[in-house]
Amino acid sequence: MNHSFEDKSFIVTGASAGIGRSIAKALNQKGSNVTIMARRKSMLEELSKEAERGFLVCQGDVTTEMDRKNAIQATLDTFGKLDGLIHNAGYGMRALAAEANVQVYRELMEVNFFSMLLFYQQALPHIEKTQGHIVAVSSMMGRYSTQERSGYNASKHALQGFMDCIRLETMDKGIHVMVVSPGFVKTTGTMNALMADGTRYGKVDEALDAGIPVEKAAEMILSGIQKRKRDVYPAGRKEMIGLMLSKWAPGLLDRILLKTRIK
């Protein structure tokens, strides 16, 4: 048993599938109590049945104030404290900026950015008491950008800037703030990406399907929480090279991305 997680209480959003689900399972296996939040209750209940204890199912929409409030209060009522918020809920995008409806951008900002801001404001007083963790699952697209993802990239860049700011604002309170920037992780995440008219993309990209195992990503994230790291990058070699180039040779990265079909 890993005692740094034993009897800790976390809220994990977007826990019905993908990275969020794997984070929740890994926390549970290490002895944490986990409030699992997502809109799809049936998938949360399936996850809950995989463990004898430690899961609290909380169906809800992260963009809805009452649903966020209910998740926090249910966690406090059931487990007595809140040691961490791991915000993983989010959508992707597959559309040219010139063609995308502005409502697509608004929805991406609401889900990917504003929900984190509002959840943070509601959860902070309770996380202060435990000197706990505030973790945002962002993306490599919060570090650099590629084509047909402008709204997604903008929301993740906003999330990155927000997290960097609150890290400084809460440092004297002993709170750990961490940003997770995944590259390609083997999930079905692109299924729900928004296209230009707001409809769903409905398929899994080849690059995502060939990504690192989602269980490995979850292990890296939990290790980062345990070590109270600033940033974690569950990503493959190509994405990490892209990150390096974005800092030291951005023009070269642009030329590479123009020639790369990222699907």
Protein backbone atom coordinates (compact mmCIF):
# COMPACT_ATOMS: atom_id res chain seq x y z
CA MET A 1 0.00 0.00 0.00
CA ASN A 2 1.28 3.43 -0.93
CA HIS A 3 0.79 5.46 2.25
CA SER A 4 0.95 8.81 0.45
CA PHE A 5 -2.48 8.00 -1.04
CA GLU A 6 -4.02 5.81 1.65
CA ASP A 7 -7.24 7.29 3.08
CA LYS A 8 -6.91 10.45 1.00
CA SER A 9 -10.03 11.80 -0.69
CA PHE A 10 -10.05 13.01 -4.30
CA ILE A 11 -12.55 14.27 -6.83
CA VAL A 12 -11.80 13.11 -10.37
CA THR A 13 -13.82 14.66 -13.19
CA GLY A 14 -14.26 13.06 -16.59
CA ALA A 15 -13.94 9.74 -14.77
CA SER A 16 -16.21 7.67 -17.00
CA ALA A 17 -13.52 6.85 -19.57
CA GLY A 18 -9.95 7.35 -20.70
CA ILE A 19 -7.35 9.07 -18.54
CA GLY A 20 -9.86 10.10 -15.88
CA ARG A 21 -11.10 6.55 -15.41
CA SER A 22 -7.55 5.20 -15.17
CA ILE A 23 -6.57 7.86 -12.63
CA ALA A 24 -9.59 6.99 -10.49
CA LYS A 25 -8.81 3.27 -10.63
CA ALA A 26 -5.16 3.82 -9.74
CA LEU A 27 -6.06 6.05 -6.78
CA ASN A 28 -8.55 3.50 -5.53
CA GLN A 29 -5.99 0.72 -5.78
CA LYS A 30 -3.61 2.78 -3.66
CA GLY A 31 -6.19 3.20 -0.92
CA SER A 32 -7.74 6.57 -1.73
CA ASN A 33 -11.41 7.44 -1.58
CA VAL A 34 -12.46 8.80 -4.96
CA THR A 35 -15.52 10.77 -5.98
CA ILE A 36 -15.93 9.94 -9.66
CA MET A 37 -17.77 12.60 -11.63
CA ALA A 38 -19.02 12.54 -15.22
CA ARG A 39 -22.27 12.88 -17.12
CA ARG A 40 -22.58 9.18 -17.99
CA LYS A 41 -23.83 7.58 -14.77
CA SER A 42 -23.92 4.03 -16.11
CA MET A 43 -20.19 4.11 -16.87
CA LEU A 44 -19.43 5.52 -13.42
CA GLU A 45 -21.45 2.72 -11.85
CA GLU A 46 -19.54 0.13 -13.88
CA LEU A 47 -16.28 1.57 -12.58
CA SER A 48 -17.58 1.62 -9.02
CA LYS A 49 -18.42 -2.09 -9.19
CA GLU A 50 -14.77 -2.90 -9.93
CA ALA A 51 -13.80 -2.07 -6.34
CA GLU A 52 -15.16 -3.19 -2.97
CA ARG A 53 -14.86 0.29 -1.48
CA GLY A 54 -13.62 3.79 -2.05
CA PHE A 55 -15.71 5.04 -4.97
CA LEU A 56 -18.50 7.60 -4.69
CA VAL A 57 -20.53 7.99 -7.88
CA CYS A 58 -21.51 11.57 -8.63
CA GLN A 59 -23.25 12.13 -11.94
CA GLY A 60 -22.91 15.71 -13.08
CA ASP A 61 -21.80 18.31 -15.60
CA VAL A 62 -18.66 20.23 -14.69
CA THR A 63 -20.09 23.38 -16.28
CA THR A 64 -23.07 23.39 -13.88
CA GLU A 65 -22.57 25.16 -10.55
CA MET A 66 -24.92 22.93 -8.56
CA ASP A 67 -23.30 19.75 -9.91
CA ARG A 68 -19.86 20.97 -8.85
CA LYS A 69 -21.20 21.98 -5.44
CA ASN A 70 -22.90 18.60 -5.01
CA ALA A 71 -19.68 16.73 -5.85
CA ILE A 72 -17.72 18.68 -3.26
CA GLN A 73 -20.39 18.39 -0.57
CA ALA A 74 -20.92 14.68 -1.20
CA THR A 75 -17.18 14.12 -0.86
CA LEU A 76 -17.08 15.99 2.46
CA ASP A 77 -20.20 14.23 3.77
CA THR A 78 -18.94 10.76 2.81
CA PHE A 79 -15.19 10.98 3.36
CA GLY A 80 -14.88 13.93 5.75
CA LYS A 81 -12.32 15.93 3.79
CA LEU A 82 -11.04 16.84 0.34
CA ASP A 83 -7.38 16.16 -0.39
CA GLY A 84 -7.39 16.86 -4.09
CA LEU A 85 -9.23 17.92 -7.21
CA ILE A 86 -8.14 16.24 -10.45
CA HIS A 87 -9.90 17.98 -13.30
CA ASN A 88 -9.80 15.83 -16.39
CA ALA A 89 -13.10 16.59 -18.15
CA GLY A 90 -12.75 18.13 -21.59
CA TYR A 91 -13.44 18.07 -25.33
CA GLY A 92 -11.26 18.21 -28.41
CA MET A 93 -11.78 19.90 -31.79
CA ARG A 94 -11.42 18.99 -35.46
CA ALA A 95 -12.14 22.01 -37.66
CA LEU A 96 -10.46 24.87 -39.47
CA ALA A 97 -10.66 28.13 -37.54
CA ALA A 98 -12.12 29.98 -40.54
CA GLU A 99 -15.02 27.53 -40.75
CA ALA A 100 -15.88 26.79 -37.12
CA ASN A 101 -19.01 28.19 -35.50
CA VAL A 102 -18.19 30.54 -32.62
CA GLN A 103 -20.44 28.43 -30.38
CA VAL A 104 -17.90 25.61 -30.72
CA TYR A 105 -15.27 27.91 -29.21
CA ARG A 106 -17.61 28.93 -26.41
CA GLU A 107 -18.36 25.32 -25.52
CA LEU A 108 -14.70 24.36 -25.53
CA MET A 109 -13.83 27.27 -23.24
CA GLU A 110 -16.71 26.45 -20.89
CA VAL A 111 -15.76 22.80 -20.52
CA ASN A 112 -11.98 22.92 -20.81
CA PHE A 113 -11.24 26.18 -19.01
CA PHE A 114 -14.07 27.87 -17.12
CA SER A 115 -15.15 24.68 -15.36
CA MET A 116 -11.65 24.38 -13.87
CA LEU A 117 -11.69 28.00 -12.74
CA LEU A 118 -15.10 27.63 -11.07
CA PHE A 119 -14.34 24.23 -9.54
CA TYR A 120 -11.14 25.67 -8.11
CA GLN A 121 -12.97 28.57 -6.48
CA GLN A 122 -15.50 26.22 -4.89
CA ALA A 123 -12.99 23.57 -3.76
CA LEU A 124 -10.14 25.79 -2.59
CA PRO A 125 -11.34 26.41 1.02
CA HIS A 126 -11.50 22.66 1.62
CA ILE A 127 -8.18 21.84 -0.09
CA GLU A 128 -6.51 24.56 1.98
CA LYS A 129 -7.39 22.60 5.11
CA THR A 130 -5.59 19.49 3.89
CA GLN A 131 -2.78 21.28 2.01
CA GLY A 132 -3.81 19.08 -0.84
CA HIS A 133 -3.58 18.91 -4.59
CA ILE A 134 -5.08 20.81 -7.51
CA VAL A 135 -4.37 18.98 -10.76
CA ALA A 136 -5.47 19.93 -14.26
CA VAL A 137 -5.21 17.45 -17.11
CA SER A 138 -4.33 19.77 -19.97
CA SER A 139 -2.54 18.70 -23.16
CA MET A 140 0.62 19.15 -25.17
CA MET A 141 -1.67 21.49 -27.12
CA GLY A 142 -1.48 23.79 -24.11
CA ARG A 143 2.24 24.09 -24.85
CA TYR A 144 2.25 24.35 -28.65
CA SER A 145 -0.37 24.17 -31.38
CA THR A 146 -1.31 22.17 -34.44
CA GLN A 147 -3.84 22.59 -37.23
CA GLU A 148 -7.62 22.10 -36.90
CA ARG A 149 -7.54 22.41 -33.11
CA SER A 150 -7.62 26.17 -32.59
CA GLY A 151 -10.43 26.23 -30.04
CA TYR A 152 -9.01 23.28 -28.13
CA ASN A 153 -5.52 24.78 -28.20
CA ALA A 154 -6.83 28.15 -27.00
CA SER A 155 -8.69 26.56 -24.09
CA LYS A 156 -5.64 24.54 -23.04
CA HIS A 157 -3.32 27.55 -23.29
CA ALA A 158 -5.79 29.43 -21.08
CA LEU A 159 -5.80 26.53 -18.63
CA GLN A 160 -1.99 26.46 -18.55
CA GLY A 161 -1.78 30.17 -17.78
CA PHE A 162 -4.43 29.89 -15.08
CA MET A 163 -2.69 27.00 -13.34
CA ASP A 164 0.69 28.76 -13.44
CA CYS A 165 -0.96 31.76 -11.78
CA ILE A 166 -2.77 29.91 -8.99
CA ARG A 167 0.39 27.94 -8.22
CA LEU A 168 1.99 31.19 -7.13
CA GLU A 169 -1.15 32.46 -5.41
CA THR A 170 -1.47 29.33 -3.24
CA MET A 171 2.17 28.46 -2.65
CA ASP A 172 2.24 30.00 0.84
CA LYS A 173 -0.77 27.83 1.76
CA GLY A 174 1.11 24.60 1.12
CA ILE A 175 -1.11 23.59 -1.80
CA HIS A 176 0.32 21.52 -4.63
CA VAL A 177 -0.65 22.70 -8.13
CA MET A 178 0.24 20.46 -11.08
CA VAL A 179 -0.44 20.53 -14.81
CA VAL A 180 -0.58 17.28 -16.77
CA SER A 181 0.24 17.71 -20.47
CA PRO A 182 -0.46 14.42 -22.25
CA GLY A 183 0.61 13.71 -25.77
CA PHE A 184 -0.97 10.81 -27.61
CA VAL A 185 -2.52 8.43 -25.06
CA LYS A 186 -4.43 5.34 -26.17
CA THR A 187 -8.02 6.34 -25.41
CA THR A 188 -11.20 7.07 -27.36
CA GLY A 189 -10.96 10.77 -26.51
CA THR A 190 -11.29 12.09 -30.05
CA MET A 191 -14.74 10.50 -30.43
CA ASN A 192 -16.31 13.53 -28.76
CA ALA A 193 -14.20 16.20 -30.46
CA LEU A 194 -16.29 19.03 -31.89
CA MET A 195 -16.37 19.70 -35.62
CA ALA A 196 -17.07 23.04 -37.28
CA ASP A 197 -20.85 22.82 -36.83
CA GLY A 198 -20.67 21.46 -33.27
CA THR A 199 -21.38 17.84 -34.15
CA ARG A 200 -19.13 15.08 -32.83
CA TYR A 201 -16.10 13.83 -34.72
CA GLY A 202 -17.14 10.25 -33.96
CA LYS A 203 -13.91 8.37 -34.53
CA VAL A 204 -10.56 7.64 -32.90
CA ASP A 205 -7.50 9.17 -34.55
CA GLU A 206 -4.74 6.80 -35.63
CA ALA A 207 -2.15 8.72 -33.63
CA LEU A 208 -4.24 8.44 -30.47
CA ASP A 209 -4.82 4.75 -31.01
CA ALA A 210 -1.05 4.27 -31.26
CA GLY A 211 -0.36 6.35 -28.14
CA ILE A 212 1.11 5.30 -24.83
CA PRO A 213 -1.07 3.01 -22.67
CA VAL A 214 -3.58 4.92 -20.57
CA GLU A 215 -2.49 2.96 -17.49
CA LYS A 216 1.06 4.26 -17.96
CA ALA A 217 -0.25 7.81 -18.18
CA ALA A 218 -2.17 7.34 -14.92
CA GLU A 219 0.93 5.95 -13.19
CA MET A 220 2.95 8.99 -14.26
CA ILE A 221 0.23 11.33 -12.99
CA LEU A 222 0.03 9.64 -9.59
CA SER A 223 3.81 9.70 -9.31
CA GLY A 224 3.71 13.43 -10.03
CA ILE A 225 1.10 13.94 -7.31
CA GLN A 226 3.12 11.92 -4.82
CA LYS A 227 6.28 13.89 -5.58
CA ARG A 228 4.32 17.17 -5.77
CA LYS A 229 5.71 17.94 -9.20
CA ARG A 230 4.95 21.11 -11.14
CA ASP A 231 4.38 19.43 -14.51
CA VAL A 232 3.96 15.91 -15.84
CA TYR A 233 4.20 14.87 -19.51
CA PRO A 234 2.63 11.48 -20.31
CA ALA A 235 3.76 11.50 -23.91
CA GLY A 236 5.77 9.73 -26.54
CA ARG A 237 9.14 10.69 -27.97
CA LYS A 238 7.77 12.71 -30.91
CA GLU A 239 5.58 14.90 -28.71
CA MET A 240 8.45 15.55 -26.32
CA ILE A 241 10.67 16.58 -29.24
CA GLY A 242 7.88 18.92 -30.32
CA LEU A 243 7.82 20.44 -26.83
CA MET A 244 11.57 21.00 -26.94
CA LEU A 245 11.40 22.56 -30.39
CA SER A 246 8.54 24.85 -29.35
CA LYS A 247 10.92 26.44 -26.85
CA TRP A 248 14.20 26.45 -28.75
CA ALA A 249 13.32 26.27 -32.46
CA PRO A 250 9.66 27.25 -32.97
CA GLY A 251 10.14 28.07 -36.66
CA LEU A 252 11.49 24.58 -37.29
CA LEU A 253 8.53 23.09 -35.41
CA ASP A 254 6.13 25.06 -37.62
CA ARG A 255 7.75 23.65 -40.74
CA ILE A 256 7.55 20.10 -39.38
CA LEU A 257 3.90 20.48 -38.40
CA LEU A 258 2.99 21.84 -41.83
CA LYS A 259 4.30 18.64 -43.37
CA THR A 260 2.76 16.34 -40.77
CA ARG A 261 -0.68 14.81 -41.04
CA ILE A 262 -1.81 14.64 -37.41
CA LYS A 263 -4.75 12.26 -37.50
